Amino acid sequence: MYSLTVRDHVMIAHSLPRPAFGPAQGLHGATFVVELTVRARELDENATVMDIGALSGVLGEALEGLRYRNLDEHPAFEGRLSTTEAVARHLAEDVAGRLGEATAAAGAEGDRLVGLSVVLREHPDAWAGYSLDLP
């Protein structure tokens, strides 16, 4: 299995209003380093998983909806906690929806991609992620 990973970062605000989260119950900021990895069984005609610039663009587009936002007020997190794990899943699903367009625009066959993972690093020693298989 081949993989390609790109990174970006996003600054958000949120609260986690449950006793389990201690001081993070109140509104606070977080800066996540976001890693997006896509997987393919075979390389394309250019011997790549996909174009790095195209994948970076997909990640940037997905992050735009979260940049400098208070996730407590974001429609995607209405009625749910915006934990690192939940944000990773949100981004993975958003990216999955954008990948077909990006690969088509780059002249690639999107059906070669078989999965993706999103990892959010909120501290050098702590991170969470979400992976999904692509149809």
C-alpha atoms as a PDB file:
ATOM      1  CA  MET A   1       0.000   0.000   0.000  1.00  0.00           C
ATOM      2  CA  TYR A   2       1.328   3.428  -0.964  1.00  0.00           C
ATOM      3  CA  SER A   3       0.633   6.586   0.996  1.00  0.00           C
ATOM      4  CA  LEU A   4       1.043  10.325   0.643  1.00  0.00           C
ATOM      5  CA  THR A   5       0.849  12.751   3.571  1.00  0.00           C
ATOM      6  CA  VAL A   6       0.535  16.537   3.628  1.00  0.00           C
ATOM      7  CA  ARG A   7       0.382  18.870   6.638  1.00  0.00           C
ATOM      8  CA  ASP A   8      -1.209  22.179   7.519  1.00  0.00           C
ATOM      9  CA  HIS A   9      -2.438  23.790  10.709  1.00  0.00           C
ATOM     10  CA  VAL A  10      -5.620  25.397  11.962  1.00  0.00           C
ATOM     11  CA  MET A  11      -6.453  27.642  14.915  1.00  0.00           C
ATOM     12  CA  ILE A  12      -9.869  27.182  16.512  1.00  0.00           C
ATOM     13  CA  ALA A  13     -11.732  28.007  19.717  1.00  0.00           C
ATOM     14  CA  HIS A  14     -14.114  25.694  21.537  1.00  0.00           C
ATOM     15  CA  SER A  15     -15.265  24.485  24.918  1.00  0.00           C
ATOM     16  CA  LEU A  16     -15.790  20.951  26.190  1.00  0.00           C
ATOM     17  CA  PRO A  17     -18.487  21.478  28.843  1.00  0.00           C
ATOM     18  CA  ARG A  18     -18.250  18.233  30.784  1.00  0.00           C
ATOM     19  CA  PRO A  19     -16.432  17.565  34.070  1.00  0.00           C
ATOM     20  CA  ALA A  20     -14.186  14.980  32.373  1.00  0.00           C
ATOM     21  CA  PHE A  21     -12.437  17.823  30.537  1.00  0.00           C
ATOM     22  CA  GLY A  22     -11.369  19.773  33.638  1.00  0.00           C
ATOM     23  CA  PRO A  23     -10.105  23.260  32.738  1.00  0.00           C
ATOM     24  CA  ALA A  24     -10.944  22.689  29.046  1.00  0.00           C
ATOM     25  CA  GLN A  25     -14.637  22.995  29.969  1.00  0.00           C
ATOM     26  CA  GLY A  26     -14.370  26.738  29.421  1.00  0.00           C
ATOM     27  CA  LEU A  27     -13.851  28.465  26.100  1.00  0.00           C
ATOM     28  CA  HIS A  28     -10.223  28.122  24.991  1.00  0.00           C
ATOM     29  CA  GLY A  29      -8.135  28.163  21.850  1.00  0.00           C
ATOM     30  CA  ALA A  30      -6.281  25.330  20.191  1.00  0.00           C
ATOM     31  CA  THR A  31      -3.846  25.146  17.328  1.00  0.00           C
ATOM     32  CA  PHE A  32      -3.892  21.793  15.570  1.00  0.00           C
ATOM     33  CA  VAL A  33      -1.193  20.532  13.242  1.00  0.00           C
ATOM     34  CA  VAL A  34      -3.248  18.546  10.743  1.00  0.00           C
ATOM     35  CA  GLU A  35      -1.831  15.621   8.793  1.00  0.00           C
ATOM     36  CA  LEU A  36      -3.799  14.162   5.907  1.00  0.00           C
ATOM     37  CA  THR A  37      -2.710  10.805   4.487  1.00  0.00           C
ATOM     38  CA  VAL A  38      -4.260   9.128   1.435  1.00  0.00           C
ATOM     39  CA  ARG A  39      -3.593   5.528   0.492  1.00  0.00           C
ATOM     40  CA  ALA A  40      -3.545   3.767  -2.878  1.00  0.00           C
ATOM     41  CA  ARG A  41      -2.862   0.172  -3.877  1.00  0.00           C
ATOM     42  CA  GLU A  42      -1.115   1.256  -7.082  1.00  0.00           C
ATOM     43  CA  LEU A  43       0.680   4.355  -8.313  1.00  0.00           C
ATOM     44  CA  ASP A  44      -0.619   6.435 -11.208  1.00  0.00           C
ATOM     45  CA  GLU A  45       1.060   6.857 -14.601  1.00  0.00           C
ATOM     46  CA  ASN A  46       3.383   9.433 -12.996  1.00  0.00           C
ATOM     47  CA  ALA A  47       4.459   6.952 -10.298  1.00  0.00           C
ATOM     48  CA  THR A  48       2.665   8.949  -7.576  1.00  0.00           C
ATOM     49  CA  VAL A  49      -0.273   8.387  -5.245  1.00  0.00           C
ATOM     50  CA  MET A  50      -1.528  11.803  -6.387  1.00  0.00           C
ATOM     51  CA  ASP A  51      -0.215  15.315  -6.911  1.00  0.00           C
ATOM     52  CA  ILE A  52       1.085  16.799  -3.645  1.00  0.00           C
ATOM     53  CA  GLY A  53      -0.168  20.262  -4.568  1.00  0.00           C
ATOM     54  CA  ALA A  54      -3.658  18.941  -5.287  1.00  0.00           C
ATOM     55  CA  LEU A  55      -3.787  17.089  -1.967  1.00  0.00           C
ATOM     56  CA  SER A  56      -2.503  20.162  -0.109  1.00  0.00           C
ATOM     57  CA  GLY A  57      -5.258  22.173  -1.767  1.00  0.00           C
ATOM     58  CA  VAL A  58      -7.919  19.693  -0.665  1.00  0.00           C
ATOM     59  CA  LEU A  59      -6.709  19.897   2.926  1.00  0.00           C
ATOM     60  CA  GLY A  60      -6.577  23.697   2.818  1.00  0.00           C
ATOM     61  CA  GLU A  61     -10.139  23.880   1.496  1.00  0.00           C
ATOM     62  CA  ALA A  62     -11.396  21.565   4.238  1.00  0.00           C
ATOM     63  CA  LEU A  63      -9.645  23.629   6.908  1.00  0.00           C
ATOM     64  CA  GLU A  64     -11.035  26.951   5.644  1.00  0.00           C
ATOM     65  CA  GLY A  65     -14.398  26.218   7.233  1.00  0.00           C
ATOM     66  CA  LEU A  66     -12.740  25.826  10.643  1.00  0.00           C
ATOM     67  CA  ARG A  67     -10.024  28.503  10.636  1.00  0.00           C
ATOM     68  CA  TYR A  68     -10.401  31.001  13.477  1.00  0.00           C
ATOM     69  CA  ARG A  69     -13.900  29.703  14.199  1.00  0.00           C
ATOM     70  CA  ASN A  70     -15.510  28.987  17.530  1.00  0.00           C
ATOM     71  CA  LEU A  71     -16.563  25.378  17.021  1.00  0.00           C
ATOM     72  CA  ASP A  72     -19.242  25.826  19.696  1.00  0.00           C
ATOM     73  CA  GLU A  73     -21.043  27.907  17.039  1.00  0.00           C
ATOM     74  CA  HIS A  74     -20.145  25.750  14.001  1.00  0.00           C
ATOM     75  CA  PRO A  75     -23.131  23.915  12.457  1.00  0.00           C
ATOM     76  CA  ALA A  76     -21.172  20.667  12.093  1.00  0.00           C
ATOM     77  CA  PHE A  77     -20.734  20.459  15.877  1.00  0.00           C
ATOM     78  CA  GLU A  78     -24.200  21.548  16.928  1.00  0.00           C
ATOM     79  CA  GLY A  79     -25.275  19.352  19.806  1.00  0.00           C
ATOM     80  CA  ARG A  80     -21.944  17.467  19.903  1.00  0.00           C
ATOM     81  CA  LEU A  81     -18.593  17.900  21.549  1.00  0.00           C
ATOM     82  CA  SER A  82     -15.801  19.200  19.355  1.00  0.00           C
ATOM     83  CA  THR A  83     -13.115  16.937  20.785  1.00  0.00           C
ATOM     84  CA  THR A  84      -9.926  16.390  18.822  1.00  0.00           C
ATOM     85  CA  GLU A  85     -11.296  13.011  17.728  1.00  0.00           C
ATOM     86  CA  ALA A  86     -14.575  14.548  16.533  1.00  0.00           C
ATOM     87  CA  VAL A  87     -12.757  17.286  14.596  1.00  0.00           C
ATOM     88  CA  ALA A  88     -10.529  14.642  12.963  1.00  0.00           C
ATOM     89  CA  ARG A  89     -13.606  12.718  11.802  1.00  0.00           C
ATOM     90  CA  HIS A  90     -15.261  15.879  10.513  1.00  0.00           C
ATOM     91  CA  LEU A  91     -12.163  16.715   8.464  1.00  0.00           C
ATOM     92  CA  ALA A  92     -11.773  13.146   7.154  1.00  0.00           C
ATOM     93  CA  GLU A  93     -15.356  13.097   5.911  1.00  0.00           C
ATOM     94  CA  ASP A  94     -15.024  16.582   4.410  1.00  0.00           C
ATOM     95  CA  VAL A  95     -11.814  15.605   2.598  1.00  0.00           C
ATOM     96  CA  ALA A  96     -13.368  12.370   1.315  1.00  0.00           C
ATOM     97  CA  GLY A  97     -16.082  14.430  -0.348  1.00  0.00           C
ATOM     98  CA  ARG A  98     -13.539  16.719  -1.993  1.00  0.00           C
ATOM     99  CA  LEU A  99     -11.068  14.092  -3.245  1.00  0.00           C
ATOM    100  CA  GLY A 100     -13.044  13.074  -6.330  1.00  0.00           C
ATOM    101  CA  GLU A 101     -13.107  16.634  -7.638  1.00  0.00           C
ATOM    102  CA  ALA A 102      -9.410  17.158  -6.922  1.00  0.00           C
ATOM    103  CA  THR A 103      -8.272  13.990  -8.657  1.00  0.00           C
ATOM    104  CA  ALA A 104     -10.474  14.685 -11.677  1.00  0.00           C
ATOM    105  CA  ALA A 105      -9.134  18.246 -11.937  1.00  0.00           C
ATOM    106  CA  ALA A 106      -5.592  16.876 -11.810  1.00  0.00           C
ATOM    107  CA  GLY A 107      -6.433  14.380 -14.558  1.00  0.00           C
ATOM    108  CA  ALA A 108      -6.067  11.416 -12.220  1.00  0.00           C
ATOM    109  CA  GLU A 109      -8.268   8.456 -11.543  1.00  0.00           C
ATOM    110  CA  GLY A 110      -9.737   8.895  -8.068  1.00  0.00           C
ATOM    111  CA  ASP A 111     -10.790   5.265  -7.817  1.00  0.00           C
ATOM    112  CA  ARG A 112      -7.170   4.256  -7.120  1.00  0.00           C
ATOM    113  CA  LEU A 113      -7.402   5.851  -3.681  1.00  0.00           C
ATOM    114  CA  VAL A 114      -8.586   3.323  -1.135  1.00  0.00           C
ATOM    115  CA  GLY A 115      -8.428   5.185   2.164  1.00  0.00           C
ATOM    116  CA  LEU A 116      -7.475   8.259   4.092  1.00  0.00           C
ATOM    117  CA  SER A 117      -6.490   9.263   7.597  1.00  0.00           C
ATOM    118  CA  VAL A 118      -6.527  12.576   9.400  1.00  0.00           C
ATOM    119  CA  VAL A 119      -4.354  13.152  12.466  1.00  0.00           C
ATOM    120  CA  LEU A 120      -4.679  16.269  14.620  1.00  0.00           C
ATOM    121  CA  ARG A 121      -1.680  17.016  16.806  1.00  0.00           C
ATOM    122  CA  GLU A 122      -2.654  19.373  19.583  1.00  0.00           C
ATOM    123  CA  HIS A 123       0.597  18.953  21.475  1.00  0.00           C
ATOM    124  CA  PRO A 124       3.945  17.372  20.575  1.00  0.00           C
ATOM    125  CA  ASP A 125       3.072  14.464  22.869  1.00  0.00           C
ATOM    126  CA  ALA A 126      -0.677  14.141  22.221  1.00  0.00           C
ATOM    127  CA  TRP A 127      -2.720  13.584  19.081  1.00  0.00           C
ATOM    128  CA  ALA A 128      -5.847  11.870  17.796  1.00  0.00           C
ATOM    129  CA  GLY A 129      -7.021  10.742  14.396  1.00  0.00           C
ATOM    130  CA  TYR A 130      -9.682   9.188  12.266  1.00  0.00           C
ATOM    131  CA  SER A 131      -9.332   6.842   9.292  1.00  0.00           C
ATOM    132  CA  LEU A 132     -11.824   5.728   6.697  1.00  0.00           C
ATOM    133  CA  ASP A 133     -11.913   3.498   3.649  1.00  0.00           C
ATOM    134  CA  LEU A 134     -12.907   5.060   0.359  1.00  0.00           C
ATOM    135  CA  PRO A 135     -15.486   3.374  -1.896  1.00  0.00           C
END
